[in-house]
Amino acid sequence: MGLFGFGSKRQEIVDLAERYRQKKDREASEGEAEKNINEAFEKLGPEDEASDSLVSPEEKKKRLAKRILDIVNRLDDLSNKIYHLQQRVELLERKADIGRAES
């Protein structure tokens, strides 16, 4: 029995903290992104001019060659992963077509 809406079983809940949670989640994801970027720069090695002046040109060439080789290897791995995913998608598409023909 709910005269004028009092005592009715239908209750509306207003969540006033939702915006606060979204802001915290956004800040956490931005902090994590910054952390990942900093880690990536640390893996590249020191880039300041003081350390470069102490390194011979041959050493710089070796470092550059190593970095390029690492990049090529990563690209090759990603290319293989994409190929395998394409194969899986094609297999799933074929299975889905067979399922439709039986129905």
N, C-alpha and C. Protein backbone atom coordinates (compact mmCIF):
# COMPACT_ATOMS: atom_id res chain seq x y z
N MET A 1 0.85 -1.17 0.00
CA MET A 1 0.00 0.00 0.00
C MET A 1 0.90 1.22 0.00
N GLY A 2 0.82 1.99 -1.00
CA GLY A 2 1.69 3.13 -1.07
C GLY A 2 0.95 4.37 -1.51
N LEU A 3 0.37 5.07 -0.56
CA LEU A 3 -0.31 6.31 -0.88
C LEU A 3 0.72 7.40 -1.15
N PHE A 4 0.55 8.06 -2.23
CA PHE A 4 1.41 9.17 -2.62
C PHE A 4 2.89 8.78 -2.70
N GLY A 5 3.13 7.51 -2.98
CA GLY A 5 4.50 7.04 -3.14
C GLY A 5 5.18 6.65 -1.85
N PHE A 6 4.55 6.86 -0.72
CA PHE A 6 5.17 6.47 0.55
C PHE A 6 4.95 4.98 0.78
N GLY A 7 5.98 4.31 1.19
CA GLY A 7 5.85 2.90 1.51
C GLY A 7 5.83 2.00 0.28
N SER A 8 6.03 2.54 -0.88
CA SER A 8 6.03 1.69 -2.06
C SER A 8 7.31 0.86 -2.08
N LYS A 9 7.25 -0.26 -2.73
CA LYS A 9 8.40 -1.17 -2.76
C LYS A 9 9.44 -0.70 -3.77
N ARG A 10 9.07 0.12 -4.68
CA ARG A 10 10.00 0.60 -5.70
C ARG A 10 10.83 1.72 -5.09
N GLN A 11 12.14 1.47 -4.99
CA GLN A 11 13.02 2.47 -4.41
C GLN A 11 14.07 2.85 -5.44
N GLU A 12 14.34 4.11 -5.52
CA GLU A 12 15.39 4.59 -6.41
C GLU A 12 16.58 4.98 -5.56
N ILE A 13 17.71 4.46 -5.91
CA ILE A 13 18.93 4.75 -5.15
C ILE A 13 19.79 5.68 -5.98
N VAL A 14 20.21 6.74 -5.38
CA VAL A 14 21.06 7.71 -6.05
C VAL A 14 22.48 7.50 -5.53
N ASP A 15 23.39 7.18 -6.42
CA ASP A 15 24.78 6.95 -6.04
C ASP A 15 25.56 8.23 -6.29
N LEU A 16 25.82 8.96 -5.23
CA LEU A 16 26.52 10.23 -5.36
C LEU A 16 28.04 10.05 -5.44
N ALA A 17 28.53 8.88 -5.16
CA ALA A 17 29.96 8.64 -5.17
C ALA A 17 30.47 8.12 -6.51
N GLU A 18 29.60 7.92 -7.48
CA GLU A 18 30.00 7.34 -8.77
C GLU A 18 31.03 8.23 -9.48
N ARG A 19 30.80 9.51 -9.50
CA ARG A 19 31.73 10.42 -10.17
C ARG A 19 33.10 10.37 -9.49
N TYR A 20 33.10 10.27 -8.16
CA TYR A 20 34.35 10.18 -7.40
C TYR A 20 35.11 8.90 -7.77
N ARG A 21 34.40 7.77 -7.87
CA ARG A 21 35.04 6.51 -8.24
C ARG A 21 35.61 6.57 -9.65
N GLN A 22 34.87 7.17 -10.58
CA GLN A 22 35.36 7.30 -11.95
C GLN A 22 36.63 8.14 -12.00
N LYS A 23 36.65 9.22 -11.20
CA LYS A 23 37.83 10.08 -11.16
C LYS A 23 39.03 9.31 -10.62
N LYS A 24 38.82 8.54 -9.56
CA LYS A 24 39.91 7.75 -8.96
C LYS A 24 40.41 6.70 -9.95
N ASP A 25 39.49 6.03 -10.66
CA ASP A 25 39.88 5.03 -11.65
C ASP A 25 40.71 5.67 -12.77
N ARG A 26 40.26 6.84 -13.22
CA ARG A 26 40.98 7.55 -14.28
C ARG A 26 42.38 7.93 -13.82
N GLU A 27 42.50 8.43 -12.58
CA GLU A 27 43.81 8.80 -12.05
C GLU A 27 44.71 7.58 -11.91
N ALA A 28 44.14 6.47 -11.50
CA ALA A 28 44.93 5.25 -11.35
C ALA A 28 45.45 4.77 -12.70
N SER A 29 44.59 4.81 -13.72
CA SER A 29 45.03 4.37 -15.05
C SER A 29 46.07 5.31 -15.63
N GLU A 30 45.94 6.62 -15.38
CA GLU A 30 46.94 7.56 -15.86
C GLU A 30 48.27 7.33 -15.15
N GLY A 31 48.23 7.06 -13.85
CA GLY A 31 49.44 6.78 -13.09
C GLY A 31 50.13 5.52 -13.60
N GLU A 32 49.32 4.51 -13.94
CA GLU A 32 49.88 3.27 -14.46
C GLU A 32 50.51 3.50 -15.83
N ALA A 33 49.87 4.32 -16.66
CA ALA A 33 50.42 4.63 -17.98
C ALA A 33 51.75 5.35 -17.85
N GLU A 34 51.83 6.31 -16.93
CA GLU A 34 53.09 7.03 -16.71
C GLU A 34 54.17 6.07 -16.24
N LYS A 35 53.81 5.14 -15.37
CA LYS A 35 54.77 4.16 -14.87
C LYS A 35 55.30 3.31 -16.03
N ASN A 36 54.41 2.87 -16.91
CA ASN A 36 54.82 2.06 -18.05
C ASN A 36 55.74 2.84 -18.98
N ILE A 37 55.44 4.11 -19.19
CA ILE A 37 56.28 4.94 -20.05
C ILE A 37 57.66 5.11 -19.43
N ASN A 38 57.70 5.37 -18.13
CA ASN A 38 58.99 5.53 -17.45
C ASN A 38 59.81 4.25 -17.53
N GLU A 39 59.17 3.10 -17.36
CA GLU A 39 59.88 1.83 -17.46
C GLU A 39 60.43 1.63 -18.86
N ALA A 40 59.66 2.01 -19.87
CA ALA A 40 60.13 1.86 -21.25
C ALA A 40 61.36 2.73 -21.51
N PHE A 41 61.35 3.96 -20.99
CA PHE A 41 62.50 4.83 -21.17
C PHE A 41 63.72 4.30 -20.42
N GLU A 42 63.49 3.70 -19.26
CA GLU A 42 64.61 3.13 -18.52
C GLU A 42 65.24 1.96 -19.26
N LYS A 43 64.43 1.19 -19.98
CA LYS A 43 64.95 0.07 -20.75
C LYS A 43 65.81 0.54 -21.92
N LEU A 44 65.49 1.73 -22.45
CA LEU A 44 66.26 2.23 -23.58
C LEU A 44 67.68 2.60 -23.19
N GLY A 45 67.88 2.92 -21.95
CA GLY A 45 69.23 3.26 -21.49
C GLY A 45 69.40 4.76 -21.36
N PRO A 46 70.54 5.17 -20.84
CA PRO A 46 70.78 6.60 -20.64
C PRO A 46 70.90 7.34 -21.97
N GLU A 47 70.25 8.46 -22.05
CA GLU A 47 70.26 9.25 -23.29
C GLU A 47 70.87 10.64 -23.09
N ASP A 48 71.37 10.91 -21.89
CA ASP A 48 71.90 12.25 -21.65
C ASP A 48 73.23 12.44 -22.38
N GLU A 49 73.56 13.69 -22.64
CA GLU A 49 74.74 14.02 -23.44
C GLU A 49 76.02 13.68 -22.72
N ALA A 50 76.07 13.75 -21.41
CA ALA A 50 77.29 13.48 -20.66
C ALA A 50 77.73 12.03 -20.88
N SER A 51 76.79 11.09 -20.85
CA SER A 51 77.18 9.70 -21.06
C SER A 51 77.51 9.44 -22.52
N ASP A 52 76.87 10.16 -23.46
CA ASP A 52 77.17 9.99 -24.88
C ASP A 52 78.56 10.49 -25.22
N SER A 53 79.03 11.51 -24.53
CA SER A 53 80.36 12.03 -24.85
C SER A 53 81.45 11.06 -24.42
N LEU A 54 81.16 10.20 -23.44
CA LEU A 54 82.14 9.24 -22.96
C LEU A 54 82.16 7.96 -23.80
N VAL A 55 81.14 7.76 -24.63
CA VAL A 55 81.01 6.54 -25.41
C VAL A 55 81.58 6.77 -26.80
N SER A 56 82.32 5.80 -27.28
CA SER A 56 82.92 5.92 -28.61
C SER A 56 81.86 5.76 -29.69
N PRO A 57 82.15 6.25 -30.89
CA PRO A 57 81.18 6.09 -32.00
C PRO A 57 80.88 4.63 -32.32
N GLU A 58 81.88 3.76 -32.16
CA GLU A 58 81.65 2.33 -32.42
C GLU A 58 80.64 1.76 -31.42
N GLU A 59 80.78 2.19 -30.17
CA GLU A 59 79.85 1.72 -29.14
C GLU A 59 78.42 2.21 -29.43
N LYS A 60 78.33 3.45 -29.90
CA LYS A 60 77.01 3.99 -30.25
C LYS A 60 76.39 3.18 -31.39
N LYS A 61 77.22 2.81 -32.37
CA LYS A 61 76.72 2.01 -33.49
C LYS A 61 76.24 0.64 -33.01
N LYS A 62 76.99 0.04 -32.08
CA LYS A 62 76.59 -1.25 -31.55
C LYS A 62 75.26 -1.15 -30.81
N ARG A 63 75.12 -0.10 -30.00
CA ARG A 63 73.86 0.09 -29.26
C ARG A 63 72.69 0.28 -30.22
N LEU A 64 72.91 1.10 -31.25
CA LEU A 64 71.85 1.36 -32.22
C LEU A 64 71.48 0.07 -32.95
N ALA A 65 72.49 -0.70 -33.35
CA ALA A 65 72.23 -1.96 -34.04
C ALA A 65 71.44 -2.92 -33.14
N LYS A 66 71.80 -2.95 -31.86
CA LYS A 66 71.08 -3.82 -30.91
C LYS A 66 69.64 -3.38 -30.75
N ARG A 67 69.42 -2.08 -30.64
CA ARG A 67 68.05 -1.58 -30.49
C ARG A 67 67.22 -1.89 -31.73
N ILE A 68 67.83 -1.70 -32.90
CA ILE A 68 67.11 -1.99 -34.15
C ILE A 68 66.79 -3.48 -34.24
N LEU A 69 67.75 -4.32 -33.86
CA LEU A 69 67.52 -5.75 -33.88
C LEU A 69 66.39 -6.15 -32.92
N ASP A 70 66.36 -5.54 -31.74
CA ASP A 70 65.28 -5.80 -30.78
C ASP A 70 63.92 -5.39 -31.36
N ILE A 71 63.88 -4.25 -32.00
CA ILE A 71 62.63 -3.78 -32.60
C ILE A 71 62.17 -4.72 -33.71
N VAL A 72 63.11 -5.16 -34.53
CA VAL A 72 62.76 -6.09 -35.62
C VAL A 72 62.23 -7.40 -35.05
N ASN A 73 62.87 -7.89 -33.99
CA ASN A 73 62.40 -9.13 -33.36
C ASN A 73 61.01 -8.98 -32.78
N ARG A 74 60.75 -7.84 -32.15
CA ARG A 74 59.41 -7.60 -31.60
C ARG A 74 58.37 -7.54 -32.71
N LEU A 75 58.71 -6.85 -33.80
CA LEU A 75 57.78 -6.77 -34.93
C LEU A 75 57.51 -8.15 -35.52
N ASP A 76 58.54 -8.96 -35.61
CA ASP A 76 58.37 -10.32 -36.13
C ASP A 76 57.45 -11.14 -35.23
N ASP A 77 57.66 -11.04 -33.92
CA ASP A 77 56.80 -11.76 -32.98
C ASP A 77 55.35 -11.29 -33.10
N LEU A 78 55.15 -9.99 -33.18
CA LEU A 78 53.78 -9.46 -33.31
C LEU A 78 53.15 -9.89 -34.63
N SER A 79 53.95 -9.92 -35.67
CA SER A 79 53.43 -10.38 -36.96
C SER A 79 52.97 -11.83 -36.89
N ASN A 80 53.77 -12.66 -36.23
CA ASN A 80 53.38 -14.07 -36.05
C ASN A 80 52.10 -14.19 -35.24
N LYS A 81 51.98 -13.41 -34.19
CA LYS A 81 50.78 -13.46 -33.36
C LYS A 81 49.55 -13.04 -34.16
N ILE A 82 49.69 -12.01 -34.97
CA ILE A 82 48.57 -11.56 -35.81
C ILE A 82 48.17 -12.65 -36.79
N TYR A 83 49.17 -13.30 -37.39
CA TYR A 83 48.88 -14.38 -38.34
C TYR A 83 48.10 -15.51 -37.65
N HIS A 84 48.54 -15.90 -36.47
CA HIS A 84 47.85 -16.97 -35.75
C HIS A 84 46.43 -16.56 -35.37
N LEU A 85 46.25 -15.31 -34.98
CA LEU A 85 44.90 -14.83 -34.67
C LEU A 85 44.01 -14.85 -35.91
N GLN A 86 44.57 -14.47 -37.05
CA GLN A 86 43.80 -14.52 -38.30
C GLN A 86 43.37 -15.95 -38.61
N GLN A 87 44.29 -16.89 -38.40
CA GLN A 87 43.96 -18.29 -38.65
C GLN A 87 42.84 -18.76 -37.72
N ARG A 88 42.89 -18.36 -36.48
CA ARG A 88 41.84 -18.75 -35.53
C ARG A 88 40.49 -18.15 -35.92
N VAL A 89 40.52 -16.89 -36.34
CA VAL A 89 39.27 -16.24 -36.75
C VAL A 89 38.68 -16.94 -37.96
N GLU A 90 39.52 -17.30 -38.92
CA GLU A 90 39.02 -18.01 -40.10
C GLU A 90 38.42 -19.35 -39.71
N LEU A 91 39.07 -20.05 -38.78
CA LEU A 91 38.55 -21.33 -38.33
C LEU A 91 37.19 -21.15 -37.65
N LEU A 92 37.07 -20.15 -36.81
CA LEU A 92 35.80 -19.89 -36.14
C LEU A 92 34.72 -19.49 -37.14
N GLU A 93 35.10 -18.73 -38.16
CA GLU A 93 34.12 -18.35 -39.19
C GLU A 93 33.63 -19.59 -39.93
N ARG A 94 34.56 -20.49 -40.24
CA ARG A 94 34.16 -21.72 -40.93
C ARG A 94 33.22 -22.55 -40.05
N LYS A 95 33.54 -22.66 -38.77
CA LYS A 95 32.68 -23.42 -37.87
C LYS A 95 31.31 -22.77 -37.73
N ALA A 96 31.29 -21.44 -37.71
CA ALA A 96 30.00 -20.74 -37.60
C ALA A 96 29.16 -20.96 -38.85
N ASP A 97 29.75 -20.99 -40.01
CA ASP A 97 29.00 -21.24 -41.25
C ASP A 97 28.43 -22.65 -41.26
N ILE A 98 29.18 -23.62 -40.76
CA ILE A 98 28.69 -25.00 -40.70
C ILE A 98 27.50 -25.07 -39.76
N GLY A 99 27.57 -24.38 -38.63
CA GLY A 99 26.47 -24.38 -37.67
C GLY A 99 25.21 -23.77 -38.25
N ARG A 100 25.36 -22.75 -39.07
CA ARG A 100 24.19 -22.11 -39.68
C ARG A 100 23.54 -23.01 -40.71
N ALA A 101 24.35 -23.79 -41.44
CA ALA A 101 23.81 -24.65 -42.50
C ALA A 101 22.98 -25.78 -41.89
N GLU A 102 23.36 -26.24 -40.69
CA GLU A 102 22.62 -27.33 -40.05
C GLU A 102 21.28 -26.86 -39.49
N SER A 103 21.19 -25.62 -39.06
CA SER A 103 19.97 -25.12 -38.42
C SER A 103 18.84 -24.97 -39.38
